[in-house]
Amino acid sequence: MGTVLGWSSPAITSMGDTDSSPRLTDSGTQTEAWIKSSTTLGALVGALASGPLAQVLGRKMALILYGLPMLAGFGCLWLASNFATIIIGRTLTGLGAGLVSGTAPTYV
């Protein structure tokens, strides 16, 4: 989850480089805001869904399966060639973070 939360700080900086693909040309744009905040939207949905999912699947199995949106999200970030894919990846990693943060304390 630390990587999910901290990813945007160094990534936004490197997206401003001339050889970056995709390249963020202006600092403080709406695109930059979406990249930074989309994790929070995913986490909101994940936190709300984590309780019912943990009850249905069991806490241990739920925590194992919660790795899937994280994996898919980081896959999107790794393969991203445009900003829409980055935002989808950030939303998926946020979803995974929200799911885990709601279930892990109960499991422990």
C-alpha atoms as a PDB file:
ATOM      1  CA  MET A   1       0.000   0.000   0.000  1.00  0.00           C
ATOM      2  CA  GLY A   2       2.933   2.320   0.542  1.00  0.00           C
ATOM      3  CA  THR A   3       3.833   2.041  -3.121  1.00  0.00           C
ATOM      4  CA  VAL A   4       0.234   2.804  -4.085  1.00  0.00           C
ATOM      5  CA  LEU A   5       0.181   5.940  -1.969  1.00  0.00           C
ATOM      6  CA  GLY A   6       3.652   7.183  -2.849  1.00  0.00           C
ATOM      7  CA  TRP A   7       3.778   6.297  -6.554  1.00  0.00           C
ATOM      8  CA  SER A   8       2.539   9.589  -7.953  1.00  0.00           C
ATOM      9  CA  SER A   9       5.194  11.830  -6.404  1.00  0.00           C
ATOM     10  CA  PRO A  10       8.230  10.504  -8.319  1.00  0.00           C
ATOM     11  CA  ALA A  11       6.140   9.440 -11.323  1.00  0.00           C
ATOM     12  CA  ILE A  12       4.684  12.901 -11.972  1.00  0.00           C
ATOM     13  CA  THR A  13       8.184  14.356 -11.842  1.00  0.00           C
ATOM     14  CA  SER A  14       9.549  11.826 -14.345  1.00  0.00           C
ATOM     15  CA  MET A  15       6.553  12.316 -16.682  1.00  0.00           C
ATOM     16  CA  GLY A  16       7.768  15.863 -17.211  1.00  0.00           C
ATOM     17  CA  ASP A  17      11.036  14.637 -18.748  1.00  0.00           C
ATOM     18  CA  THR A  18      11.439  15.132 -22.488  1.00  0.00           C
ATOM     19  CA  ASP A  19      11.918  11.393 -23.150  1.00  0.00           C
ATOM     20  CA  SER A  20       8.893  10.312 -21.077  1.00  0.00           C
ATOM     21  CA  SER A  21       5.993   8.483 -22.679  1.00  0.00           C
ATOM     22  CA  PRO A  22       3.339   9.680 -22.003  1.00  0.00           C
ATOM     23  CA  ARG A  23       4.742  13.135 -21.389  1.00  0.00           C
ATOM     24  CA  LEU A  24       3.132  15.562 -18.972  1.00  0.00           C
ATOM     25  CA  THR A  25       3.833  18.976 -20.487  1.00  0.00           C
ATOM     26  CA  ASP A  26       2.318  21.355 -17.921  1.00  0.00           C
ATOM     27  CA  SER A  27       2.618  21.073 -14.177  1.00  0.00           C
ATOM     28  CA  GLY A  28      -0.624  21.537 -12.256  1.00  0.00           C
ATOM     29  CA  THR A  29      -2.928  20.411 -15.063  1.00  0.00           C
ATOM     30  CA  GLN A  30      -6.227  18.615 -14.687  1.00  0.00           C
ATOM     31  CA  THR A  31      -4.566  15.430 -15.955  1.00  0.00           C
ATOM     32  CA  GLU A  32      -2.042  15.613 -13.133  1.00  0.00           C
ATOM     33  CA  ALA A  33      -4.853  16.115 -10.628  1.00  0.00           C
ATOM     34  CA  TRP A  34      -6.687  13.028 -11.922  1.00  0.00           C
ATOM     35  CA  ILE A  35      -3.519  10.937 -11.753  1.00  0.00           C
ATOM     36  CA  LYS A  36      -2.950  11.969  -8.152  1.00  0.00           C
ATOM     37  CA  SER A  37      -6.539  11.671  -6.934  1.00  0.00           C
ATOM     38  CA  SER A  38      -7.862   8.608  -8.770  1.00  0.00           C
ATOM     39  CA  THR A  39      -6.401   6.324  -6.115  1.00  0.00           C
ATOM     40  CA  THR A  40      -8.692   7.892  -3.549  1.00  0.00           C
ATOM     41  CA  LEU A  41     -11.781   7.150  -5.637  1.00  0.00           C
ATOM     42  CA  GLY A  42     -10.813   3.493  -5.926  1.00  0.00           C
ATOM     43  CA  ALA A  43     -10.028   3.300  -2.216  1.00  0.00           C
ATOM     44  CA  LEU A  44     -13.467   4.671  -1.362  1.00  0.00           C
ATOM     45  CA  VAL A  45     -15.184   1.899  -3.311  1.00  0.00           C
ATOM     46  CA  GLY A  46     -12.794  -0.727  -1.940  1.00  0.00           C
ATOM     47  CA  ALA A  47     -13.266   0.290   1.673  1.00  0.00           C
ATOM     48  CA  LEU A  48     -17.043   0.149   1.343  1.00  0.00           C
ATOM     49  CA  ALA A  49     -16.944  -3.269  -0.341  1.00  0.00           C
ATOM     50  CA  SER A  50     -14.320  -4.888   1.885  1.00  0.00           C
ATOM     51  CA  GLY A  51     -16.623  -5.782   4.795  1.00  0.00           C
ATOM     52  CA  PRO A  52     -19.287  -7.632   2.818  1.00  0.00           C
ATOM     53  CA  LEU A  53     -16.670  -9.352   0.645  1.00  0.00           C
ATOM     54  CA  ALA A  54     -14.716 -10.514   3.685  1.00  0.00           C
ATOM     55  CA  GLN A  55     -17.886 -11.974   5.191  1.00  0.00           C
ATOM     56  CA  VAL A  56     -18.750 -13.868   2.025  1.00  0.00           C
ATOM     57  CA  LEU A  57     -15.245 -15.056   1.085  1.00  0.00           C
ATOM     58  CA  GLY A  58     -13.681 -15.293   4.533  1.00  0.00           C
ATOM     59  CA  ARG A  59     -10.959 -12.900   5.649  1.00  0.00           C
ATOM     60  CA  LYS A  60      -7.962 -14.940   4.503  1.00  0.00           C
ATOM     61  CA  MET A  61      -9.311 -15.713   1.029  1.00  0.00           C
ATOM     62  CA  ALA A  62     -10.513 -12.138   0.648  1.00  0.00           C
ATOM     63  CA  LEU A  63      -7.041 -10.778   1.415  1.00  0.00           C
ATOM     64  CA  ILE A  64      -5.501 -13.161  -1.110  1.00  0.00           C
ATOM     65  CA  LEU A  65      -7.983 -12.124  -3.811  1.00  0.00           C
ATOM     66  CA  TYR A  66      -7.541  -8.424  -3.042  1.00  0.00           C
ATOM     67  CA  GLY A  67      -4.127  -8.731  -4.633  1.00  0.00           C
ATOM     68  CA  LEU A  68      -5.779  -9.082  -8.051  1.00  0.00           C
ATOM     69  CA  PRO A  69      -6.839  -5.430  -8.452  1.00  0.00           C
ATOM     70  CA  MET A  70      -3.410  -4.373  -7.180  1.00  0.00           C
ATOM     71  CA  LEU A  71      -1.707  -6.608  -9.731  1.00  0.00           C
ATOM     72  CA  ALA A  72      -3.973  -5.421 -12.550  1.00  0.00           C
ATOM     73  CA  GLY A  73      -3.457  -1.796 -11.536  1.00  0.00           C
ATOM     74  CA  PHE A  74       0.320  -2.024 -11.454  1.00  0.00           C
ATOM     75  CA  GLY A  75       0.186  -3.879 -14.778  1.00  0.00           C
ATOM     76  CA  CYS A  76      -1.720  -0.931 -16.250  1.00  0.00           C
ATOM     77  CA  LEU A  77       0.837   1.497 -14.845  1.00  0.00           C
ATOM     78  CA  TRP A  78       3.718  -0.547 -16.208  1.00  0.00           C
ATOM     79  CA  LEU A  79       2.219  -0.829 -19.708  1.00  0.00           C
ATOM     80  CA  ALA A  80       0.679   2.651 -19.857  1.00  0.00           C
ATOM     81  CA  SER A  81       1.083   4.541 -23.103  1.00  0.00           C
ATOM     82  CA  ASN A  82      -1.512   7.217 -22.350  1.00  0.00           C
ATOM     83  CA  PHE A  83      -2.952   9.034 -19.363  1.00  0.00           C
ATOM     84  CA  ALA A  84      -6.263   7.144 -19.396  1.00  0.00           C
ATOM     85  CA  THR A  85      -4.421   3.881 -18.730  1.00  0.00           C
ATOM     86  CA  ILE A  86      -2.500   5.515 -15.884  1.00  0.00           C
ATOM     87  CA  ILE A  87      -5.735   6.745 -14.310  1.00  0.00           C
ATOM     88  CA  ILE A  88      -7.312   3.281 -14.654  1.00  0.00           C
ATOM     89  CA  GLY A  89      -4.218   1.734 -13.066  1.00  0.00           C
ATOM     90  CA  ARG A  90      -4.257   4.228 -10.201  1.00  0.00           C
ATOM     91  CA  THR A  91      -7.970   3.573  -9.613  1.00  0.00           C
ATOM     92  CA  LEU A  92      -7.411  -0.199  -9.532  1.00  0.00           C
ATOM     93  CA  THR A  93      -4.499   0.086  -7.108  1.00  0.00           C
ATOM     94  CA  GLY A  94      -6.636   2.366  -4.951  1.00  0.00           C
ATOM     95  CA  LEU A  95      -9.416  -0.211  -5.036  1.00  0.00           C
ATOM     96  CA  GLY A  96      -6.986  -2.859  -3.817  1.00  0.00           C
ATOM     97  CA  ALA A  97      -5.653  -0.567  -1.093  1.00  0.00           C
ATOM     98  CA  GLY A  98      -9.174   0.200   0.098  1.00  0.00           C
ATOM     99  CA  LEU A  99     -10.106  -3.469   0.158  1.00  0.00           C
ATOM    100  CA  VAL A 100      -7.001  -4.415   2.121  1.00  0.00           C
ATOM    101  CA  SER A 101      -7.271  -1.542   4.586  1.00  0.00           C
ATOM    102  CA  GLY A 102     -10.771  -2.589   5.543  1.00  0.00           C
ATOM    103  CA  THR A 103     -10.058  -6.302   5.997  1.00  0.00           C
ATOM    104  CA  ALA A 104      -6.439  -6.640   7.148  1.00  0.00           C
ATOM    105  CA  PRO A 105      -6.926  -5.086  10.608  1.00  0.00           C
ATOM    106  CA  THR A 106      -9.810  -7.470  11.274  1.00  0.00           C
ATOM    107  CA  TYR A 107      -7.778 -10.461  10.089  1.00  0.00           C
ATOM    108  CA  VAL A 108      -4.774  -9.555  12.229  1.00  0.00           C
END
